[in-house]
Amino acid sequence: MRLLPPEMDRILYGEAAIAERVAELGAEISRDYAGRDIIMVGVLKGAVPFMSDLMRAVTVSCTLDFLSVSSYWRGTQSSGVVRILKDLDIPLEGRDVLIVDDILDSGRTLSYIINLIESRNPASIRLCALLDKPDRRCVPVKVDYTGFTIPDVFIVGYGLDYAERFRNLPYIGCLKPEVYNPST
């Protein structure tokens, strides 16, 4: 068993809970897309572990592509300005697209991504977010598949980071407030 890093307050979702929920999401997505090919668009970097597990849980044919955007610029609060760091490689016109992201927070970044993908004329767009933090929502975003709804806490692990650290943790945990906000 891995020891909890000293910067962590507690584990919110352990490995087993995550694996179970990802399997359930995979089954739901497979039912909804039965007989269709989908393009899974992962939002780098945080969605990588989730998308890797999710694609193995999905039984329909899928193609993968990745989009990298930034709105944080070395902080813990979104700047509100989204920049594309890596665009998609696959044409989306006429295709069924499933956006896969680690967390839906303010909604600004995912709203931007949805609008960007809509401009490329896909047949359909759905959103799958491992975590949904509705208390922080500033922009309405429709989530089609949600792993877990979480409170307004700073979380890391399973792809989520703080200053590029903690992504490799196999669970999702809460970071101690004094780590990301030294004034507390």
Protein backbone atom coordinates (compact mmCIF):
# COMPACT_ATOMS: atom_id res chain seq x y z
CA MET A 1 0.00 0.00 0.00
CA ARG A 2 1.24 3.45 -0.93
CA LEU A 3 1.68 6.00 1.84
CA LEU A 4 -0.27 9.21 1.60
CA PRO A 5 2.09 12.06 0.61
CA PRO A 6 2.43 14.66 3.40
CA GLU A 7 0.79 17.29 1.15
CA MET A 8 -2.41 15.25 0.99
CA ASP A 9 -5.31 15.66 3.38
CA ARG A 10 -7.28 12.53 2.48
CA ILE A 11 -8.22 10.13 -0.30
CA LEU A 12 -11.51 11.04 -1.93
CA TYR A 13 -11.75 8.06 -4.34
CA GLY A 14 -9.55 5.00 -4.15
CA GLU A 15 -8.34 2.79 -6.99
CA ALA A 16 -11.22 0.32 -6.69
CA ALA A 17 -13.92 3.01 -6.71
CA ILE A 18 -12.35 4.65 -9.76
CA ALA A 19 -12.03 1.34 -11.64
CA GLU A 20 -15.64 0.43 -10.88
CA ARG A 21 -16.97 3.80 -12.03
CA VAL A 22 -14.86 3.80 -15.21
CA ALA A 23 -16.22 0.33 -16.07
CA GLU A 24 -19.77 1.62 -15.57
CA LEU A 25 -19.10 4.64 -17.79
CA GLY A 26 -17.58 2.38 -20.46
CA ALA A 27 -20.68 0.20 -20.47
CA GLU A 28 -22.98 3.23 -20.70
CA ILE A 29 -20.98 4.79 -23.55
CA SER A 30 -20.89 1.43 -25.38
CA ARG A 31 -24.69 1.15 -25.16
CA ASP A 32 -25.22 4.72 -26.37
CA TYR A 33 -22.80 4.36 -29.30
CA ALA A 34 -23.67 0.78 -30.27
CA GLY A 35 -22.91 0.16 -33.94
CA ARG A 36 -21.08 3.48 -34.34
CA ASP A 37 -17.45 4.54 -34.48
CA ILE A 38 -16.43 7.34 -32.15
CA ILE A 39 -13.51 9.69 -31.87
CA MET A 40 -12.45 10.10 -28.25
CA VAL A 41 -10.84 13.50 -27.82
CA GLY A 42 -8.76 13.59 -24.66
CA VAL A 43 -7.89 16.87 -23.02
CA LEU A 44 -4.18 16.77 -22.11
CA LYS A 45 -2.59 16.20 -19.71
CA GLY A 46 -4.99 15.37 -16.92
CA ALA A 47 -7.34 13.11 -18.88
CA VAL A 48 -4.65 10.62 -19.94
CA PRO A 49 -5.05 8.01 -17.15
CA PHE A 50 -8.85 8.28 -17.26
CA MET A 51 -9.01 8.08 -21.05
CA SER A 52 -6.61 5.12 -21.10
CA ASP A 53 -8.84 3.18 -18.73
CA LEU A 54 -12.07 4.38 -20.37
CA MET A 55 -11.07 3.35 -23.90
CA ARG A 56 -10.40 -0.17 -22.63
CA ALA A 57 -13.83 -0.22 -20.97
CA VAL A 58 -15.60 0.83 -24.18
CA THR A 59 -16.58 -1.99 -26.55
CA VAL A 60 -17.40 0.10 -29.64
CA SER A 61 -14.81 1.04 -32.22
CA CYS A 62 -12.97 4.20 -31.25
CA THR A 63 -10.21 6.42 -32.55
CA LEU A 64 -8.16 8.59 -30.21
CA ASP A 65 -6.96 12.13 -30.57
CA PHE A 66 -5.75 14.73 -28.11
CA LEU A 67 -6.16 18.44 -27.58
CA SER A 68 -4.01 20.44 -25.20
CA VAL A 69 -5.26 23.72 -23.86
CA SER A 70 -4.21 26.00 -21.04
CA SER A 71 -6.15 28.40 -18.91
CA TYR A 72 -4.20 28.19 -15.65
CA TRP A 73 -0.73 29.56 -16.47
CA ARG A 74 1.05 28.29 -13.33
CA GLY A 75 -1.76 29.11 -10.91
CA THR A 76 -4.53 27.28 -9.12
CA GLN A 77 -7.29 29.52 -10.48
CA SER A 78 -8.27 29.67 -14.13
CA SER A 79 -7.18 32.84 -15.91
CA GLY A 80 -10.37 32.75 -17.97
CA VAL A 81 -8.37 32.88 -21.22
CA VAL A 82 -7.99 29.58 -23.07
CA ARG A 83 -5.01 28.92 -25.34
CA ILE A 84 -4.64 25.93 -27.67
CA LEU A 85 -1.27 24.32 -27.11
CA LYS A 86 -1.85 21.22 -29.29
CA ASP A 87 -4.67 20.96 -31.81
CA LEU A 88 -6.36 17.81 -33.06
CA ASP A 89 -4.85 15.72 -35.86
CA ILE A 90 -8.00 13.93 -37.06
CA PRO A 91 -10.74 15.67 -39.11
CA LEU A 92 -14.02 15.66 -37.19
CA GLU A 93 -16.53 16.45 -39.92
CA GLY A 94 -19.42 13.99 -39.88
CA ARG A 95 -17.92 11.99 -36.98
CA ASP A 96 -19.29 11.20 -33.52
CA VAL A 97 -17.02 12.90 -30.98
CA LEU A 98 -16.71 12.09 -27.29
CA ILE A 99 -14.70 14.69 -25.38
CA VAL A 100 -12.95 13.08 -22.40
CA ASP A 101 -11.67 15.30 -19.60
CA ASP A 102 -10.50 14.83 -16.05
CA ILE A 103 -12.56 17.58 -14.39
CA LEU A 104 -15.34 20.01 -15.17
CA ASP A 105 -14.77 23.01 -12.93
CA SER A 106 -15.72 26.55 -14.00
CA GLY A 107 -16.85 25.33 -17.42
CA ARG A 108 -14.84 27.94 -19.32
CA THR A 109 -12.28 25.59 -20.82
CA LEU A 110 -14.74 22.85 -21.77
CA SER A 111 -17.18 25.39 -23.21
CA TYR A 112 -14.34 26.69 -25.39
CA ILE A 113 -13.42 23.16 -26.47
CA ILE A 114 -17.03 22.27 -27.29
CA ASN A 115 -17.38 25.43 -29.42
CA LEU A 116 -14.10 24.66 -31.18
CA ILE A 117 -15.21 21.10 -31.98
CA GLU A 118 -18.70 22.28 -33.07
CA SER A 119 -17.02 24.57 -35.60
CA ARG A 120 -15.55 21.45 -37.26
CA ASN A 121 -19.01 20.03 -38.09
CA PRO A 122 -19.04 16.68 -36.27
CA ALA A 123 -22.13 14.48 -36.47
CA SER A 124 -22.44 14.65 -32.67
CA ILE A 125 -20.59 15.82 -29.58
CA ARG A 126 -20.87 14.39 -26.09
CA LEU A 127 -18.83 15.11 -23.00
CA CYS A 128 -17.45 12.63 -20.46
CA ALA A 129 -15.86 14.13 -17.35
CA LEU A 130 -14.38 11.97 -14.63
CA LEU A 131 -15.10 14.66 -12.04
CA ASP A 132 -17.73 17.38 -11.91
CA LYS A 133 -17.39 20.29 -9.49
CA PRO A 134 -20.73 22.10 -9.97
CA ASP A 135 -20.19 24.61 -7.14
CA ARG A 136 -17.49 26.30 -9.24
CA ARG A 137 -19.47 26.51 -12.49
CA CYS A 138 -19.41 29.93 -14.18
CA VAL A 139 -20.37 28.78 -17.68
CA PRO A 140 -23.14 26.22 -18.26
CA VAL A 141 -21.83 22.99 -19.79
CA LYS A 142 -23.89 19.86 -20.42
CA VAL A 143 -22.12 16.71 -19.20
CA ASP A 144 -23.36 13.49 -20.78
CA TYR A 145 -21.27 11.11 -18.67
CA THR A 146 -19.98 11.95 -15.19
CA GLY A 147 -17.74 9.79 -13.05
CA PHE A 148 -18.16 11.55 -9.71
CA THR A 149 -19.64 14.83 -8.49
CA ILE A 150 -17.28 16.41 -5.99
CA PRO A 151 -17.30 19.32 -3.54
CA ASP A 152 -15.20 22.43 -4.02
CA VAL A 153 -11.87 21.00 -2.84
CA PHE A 154 -8.47 21.00 -4.56
CA ILE A 155 -7.86 17.48 -5.78
CA VAL A 156 -4.91 15.67 -7.30
CA GLY A 157 -4.05 12.18 -8.47
CA TYR A 158 -5.16 9.92 -11.33
CA GLY A 159 -3.96 12.54 -13.83
CA LEU A 160 -4.86 15.65 -11.87
CA ASP A 161 -1.95 17.75 -10.72
CA TYR A 162 -0.69 20.63 -8.69
CA ALA A 163 2.29 22.26 -10.44
CA GLU A 164 2.70 19.04 -12.50
CA ARG A 165 3.02 16.90 -9.36
CA PHE A 166 0.82 14.05 -8.13
CA ARG A 167 -0.53 12.97 -11.56
CA ASN A 168 0.86 9.46 -11.02
CA LEU A 169 -1.11 8.71 -7.87
CA PRO A 170 -3.53 5.82 -8.48
CA TYR A 171 -6.27 7.49 -6.42
CA ILE A 172 -7.89 10.93 -6.22
CA GLY A 173 -7.08 12.84 -3.07
CA CYS A 174 -7.58 16.24 -1.51
CA LEU A 175 -4.54 18.47 -1.26
CA LYS A 176 -4.05 20.28 2.05
CA PRO A 177 -5.05 23.97 1.66
CA GLU A 178 -1.72 25.22 3.02
CA VAL A 179 0.05 23.52 0.08
CA TYR A 180 -1.74 25.42 -2.70
CA ASN A 181 -2.70 28.48 -0.67
CA PRO A 182 0.15 29.27 1.75
CA SER A 183 -1.76 32.18 3.32
CA THR A 184 -4.24 29.80 5.00
